[in-house]
N, C-alpha and C. Protein backbone atom coordinates (compact mmCIF):
# COMPACT_ATOMS: atom_id res chain seq x y z
N MET A 1 1.53 7.76 28.56
CA MET A 1 1.07 7.69 27.64
C MET A 1 0.92 6.71 26.16
N GLN A 2 0.04 5.72 25.93
CA GLN A 2 0.11 5.29 25.18
C GLN A 2 -0.69 5.73 23.49
N THR A 3 -0.17 4.79 22.35
CA THR A 3 -0.52 5.67 21.07
C THR A 3 -1.82 4.49 20.82
N TRP A 4 -2.86 5.20 20.48
CA TRP A 4 -3.82 3.96 19.50
C TRP A 4 -3.74 4.07 18.44
N GLN A 5 -4.52 3.01 17.32
CA GLN A 5 -4.57 3.57 15.94
C GLN A 5 -5.95 3.65 15.35
N ILE A 6 -7.00 4.50 15.32
CA ILE A 6 -8.43 3.81 14.95
C ILE A 6 -8.52 4.42 13.20
N THR A 7 -9.06 2.63 12.67
CA THR A 7 -9.15 2.73 11.65
C THR A 7 -10.35 2.62 11.32
N PHE A 8 -11.38 3.50 10.09
CA PHE A 8 -12.01 3.91 10.03
C PHE A 8 -12.49 4.39 8.05
N VAL A 9 -13.83 4.16 7.76
CA VAL A 9 -13.97 4.55 6.83
C VAL A 9 -14.27 6.21 6.25
N ASP A 10 -13.52 6.54 5.75
CA ASP A 10 -14.04 8.07 5.52
C ASP A 10 -15.26 8.48 4.57
N ASP A 11 -15.28 9.69 4.73
CA ASP A 11 -16.59 10.26 4.09
C ASP A 11 -16.43 9.74 2.28
N HIS A 12 -15.17 9.67 1.99
CA HIS A 12 -14.92 8.68 0.80
C HIS A 12 -15.53 7.54 0.34
N GLY A 13 -15.13 7.06 1.47
CA GLY A 13 -15.56 5.52 1.95
C GLY A 13 -13.73 4.98 1.26
N VAL A 14 -13.19 5.84 1.73
CA VAL A 14 -11.81 5.37 1.94
C VAL A 14 -11.04 4.96 3.13
N LYS A 15 -10.41 3.37 3.27
CA LYS A 15 -10.42 3.21 4.61
C LYS A 15 -8.97 3.85 4.99
N THR A 16 -9.11 4.67 6.64
CA THR A 16 -8.29 5.73 7.06
C THR A 16 -7.81 5.20 7.92
N VAL A 17 -6.45 5.04 8.74
CA VAL A 17 -5.75 5.50 9.95
C VAL A 17 -5.14 6.49 10.58
N GLU A 18 -5.51 6.65 11.72
CA GLU A 18 -5.43 7.43 12.27
C GLU A 18 -4.58 7.57 13.78
N LEU A 19 -3.50 8.08 14.44
CA LEU A 19 -2.83 7.57 15.55
C LEU A 19 -3.17 8.16 16.44
N PHE A 20 -3.97 8.33 17.62
CA PHE A 20 -4.05 9.27 18.95
C PHE A 20 -3.64 9.48 20.24
N THR A 21 -3.01 9.75 21.29
CA THR A 21 -2.86 9.67 22.47
C THR A 21 -3.52 9.91 23.40
N CYS A 22 -3.79 8.05 24.44
CA CYS A 22 -5.00 8.34 25.17
C CYS A 22 -3.79 7.78 26.41
N GLU A 23 -4.40 7.62 27.76
CA GLU A 23 -3.89 6.98 28.55
C GLU A 23 -4.47 5.29 28.97
N GLN A 24 -5.44 5.34 28.11
CA GLN A 24 -6.23 3.88 27.53
C GLN A 24 -7.27 4.02 26.84
N GLU A 25 -7.06 2.67 26.39
CA GLU A 25 -8.01 2.49 25.23
C GLU A 25 -9.63 3.57 25.26
N PRO A 26 -9.78 4.44 24.49
CA PRO A 26 -10.36 4.98 23.87
C PRO A 26 -11.89 4.18 23.58
N SER A 27 -12.87 4.52 24.59
CA SER A 27 -14.42 3.79 23.79
C SER A 27 -14.89 4.15 22.43
N LEU A 28 -15.54 3.69 21.55
CA LEU A 28 -16.02 3.82 20.27
C LEU A 28 -16.75 5.01 20.28
N GLU A 29 -16.95 5.32 21.67
CA GLU A 29 -17.78 7.01 21.42
C GLU A 29 -16.70 8.30 21.59
N ASP A 30 -15.54 7.83 23.11
CA ASP A 30 -14.20 8.73 22.76
C ASP A 30 -14.02 8.88 21.36
N ALA A 31 -13.47 7.00 20.97
CA ALA A 31 -13.00 7.94 19.39
C ALA A 31 -13.67 8.37 18.32
N ALA A 32 -15.29 8.97 18.40
CA ALA A 32 -15.38 8.76 17.35
C ALA A 32 -15.07 11.02 17.74
N HIS A 33 -15.43 11.12 18.83
CA HIS A 33 -15.16 12.67 19.20
C HIS A 33 -14.01 12.80 18.59
N MET A 34 -12.50 12.24 18.84
CA MET A 34 -11.20 12.08 18.04
C MET A 34 -11.47 12.14 16.82
N ILE A 35 -12.15 11.84 16.34
CA ILE A 35 -11.98 11.93 14.50
C ILE A 35 -12.89 12.76 14.13
N ARG A 36 -14.09 13.27 15.09
CA ARG A 36 -15.05 14.51 14.69
C ARG A 36 -14.22 15.58 15.28
N SER A 37 -13.08 15.78 16.26
CA SER A 37 -12.64 17.14 16.69
C SER A 37 -11.47 17.29 15.09
N LYS A 38 -10.92 15.95 14.21
CA LYS A 38 -9.96 16.05 13.16
C LYS A 38 -10.59 16.49 12.30
N LEU A 39 -11.29 15.46 11.87
CA LEU A 39 -11.69 15.74 10.24
C LEU A 39 -12.85 17.01 10.55
N VAL A 40 -13.75 17.07 10.68
CA VAL A 40 -14.70 17.90 10.78
C VAL A 40 -14.55 19.07 12.55
N PRO A 41 -14.06 19.70 12.26
CA PRO A 41 -14.05 20.60 13.46
C PRO A 41 -14.53 21.26 13.79
N VAL A 42 -15.55 22.22 12.78
CA VAL A 42 -16.79 22.58 12.74
C VAL A 42 -17.78 22.12 13.57
N ALA A 43 -17.97 20.96 13.26
CA ALA A 43 -19.10 19.72 13.86
C ALA A 43 -18.62 19.88 15.16
N ALA A 44 -17.48 19.70 15.89
CA ALA A 44 -16.91 19.00 16.57
C ALA A 44 -17.38 20.12 17.93
N GLU A 45 -17.76 21.41 17.52
CA GLU A 45 -18.07 22.01 18.69
C GLU A 45 -19.63 23.02 19.02
N LEU A 46 -20.43 21.59 17.79
CA LEU A 46 -22.28 21.40 18.04
C LEU A 46 -22.33 20.91 19.67
N ASP A 47 -23.19 21.43 20.80
CA ASP A 47 -23.70 20.39 21.09
C ASP A 47 -24.75 19.50 20.97
N LEU A 48 -24.25 18.34 21.15
CA LEU A 48 -25.37 17.41 21.34
C LEU A 48 -26.06 16.65 22.37
N ASN A 49 -26.09 17.67 23.13
CA ASN A 49 -27.10 17.50 24.43
C ASN A 49 -28.66 16.92 24.05
N ASP A 50 -28.85 17.37 23.01
CA ASP A 50 -29.74 16.86 22.64
C ASP A 50 -30.08 15.62 22.29
N LEU A 51 -29.26 14.99 22.12
CA LEU A 51 -29.21 13.12 21.61
C LEU A 51 -28.09 12.91 22.89
N GLU A 52 -27.89 13.29 23.71
CA GLU A 52 -27.11 12.71 24.68
C GLU A 52 -28.59 11.85 25.53
N GLY A 53 -27.95 10.84 26.55
CA GLY A 53 -29.15 10.77 27.34
C GLY A 53 -30.47 9.51 26.10
N ARG A 54 -30.77 9.71 25.50
CA ARG A 54 -31.70 9.03 24.94
C ARG A 54 -31.03 8.33 23.79
N LYS A 55 -29.52 8.44 23.34
CA LYS A 55 -29.33 7.57 22.19
C LYS A 55 -27.77 7.45 22.57
N PRO A 56 -27.26 5.79 22.45
CA PRO A 56 -26.06 5.40 22.65
C PRO A 56 -25.32 6.30 21.84
N GLU A 57 -24.44 6.29 22.40
CA GLU A 57 -23.21 6.81 21.54
C GLU A 57 -23.71 7.42 20.14
N PRO A 58 -23.82 8.80 21.11
CA PRO A 58 -24.58 9.82 19.61
C PRO A 58 -24.07 10.60 18.91
N THR A 59 -22.48 10.36 19.20
CA THR A 59 -21.65 11.16 18.17
C THR A 59 -20.90 9.56 17.34
N VAL A 60 -20.93 8.84 17.34
CA VAL A 60 -20.87 7.64 16.47
C VAL A 60 -22.41 7.67 15.29
N LYS A 61 -23.27 7.81 16.01
CA LYS A 61 -24.54 7.81 15.30
C LYS A 61 -23.98 9.39 13.85
N ILE A 62 -23.81 10.35 14.57
CA ILE A 62 -23.76 11.55 13.98
C ILE A 62 -22.71 11.42 12.92
N LEU A 63 -21.88 11.31 13.55
CA LEU A 63 -20.68 10.87 12.27
C LEU A 63 -21.40 9.69 11.06
N LYS A 64 -21.78 8.75 11.47
CA LYS A 64 -22.28 7.38 10.16
C LYS A 64 -23.55 8.08 9.32
N ASP A 65 -24.20 9.29 10.53
CA ASP A 65 -25.25 8.91 9.59
C ASP A 65 -25.19 10.72 8.38
N GLN A 66 -24.63 11.51 9.61
CA GLN A 66 -23.99 13.11 8.45
C GLN A 66 -22.70 13.15 7.68
N ASN A 67 -22.27 12.43 8.26
CA ASN A 67 -20.26 12.49 7.44
C ASN A 67 -20.48 11.14 6.91
N SER A 68 -20.72 10.45 6.86
CA SER A 68 -20.68 8.81 6.13
C SER A 68 -19.08 7.90 7.22
N ILE A 69 -18.91 8.49 8.08
CA ILE A 69 -17.78 7.95 8.50
C ILE A 69 -17.96 6.79 9.52
N GLN A 70 -17.39 5.45 9.51
CA GLN A 70 -17.48 4.17 10.58
C GLN A 70 -16.20 4.22 11.20
N ILE A 71 -16.49 3.64 11.83
CA ILE A 71 -15.17 3.44 12.60
C ILE A 71 -15.44 2.01 12.63
N LEU A 72 -13.94 1.42 12.47
CA LEU A 72 -13.79 -0.25 12.41
C LEU A 72 -13.11 -0.79 12.91
N ASP A 73 -12.07 0.10 13.41
CA ASP A 73 -11.49 -0.85 14.57
C ASP A 73 -10.61 0.03 15.65
N ILE A 74 -9.83 -0.13 17.21
CA ILE A 74 -9.27 0.59 17.50
C ILE A 74 -8.45 -0.47 18.32
N SER A 75 -7.03 0.06 18.32
CA SER A 75 -5.89 -1.19 18.43
C SER A 75 -4.82 -0.23 19.17
N PRO A 76 -4.14 -0.61 19.91
CA PRO A 76 -2.85 0.09 20.10
C PRO A 76 -1.73 -0.40 18.94
N SER A 77 -1.05 1.21 18.75
CA SER A 77 -0.14 1.21 17.45
C SER A 77 1.26 0.27 18.51
N ALA A 78 1.74 -0.03 16.97
CA ALA A 78 3.05 -0.87 17.53
C ALA A 78 4.12 0.36 17.56
């Protein structure tokens, strides 16, 4: 498995890098799920079925709108 670094701006406006291990490069939505699980674990348990199918990348949108977290980059870790 490969380690990926996901760069994002957290809810305090600080640029942060987290490392996650995945077999292939995570999509933006996958990265949002991983970040949400780590930073907002209670919200990660919520069911987003209401948004799925109607909005592209619902987790990305919720992280940005409700938690002020925006993913900037997904790249392989050195």
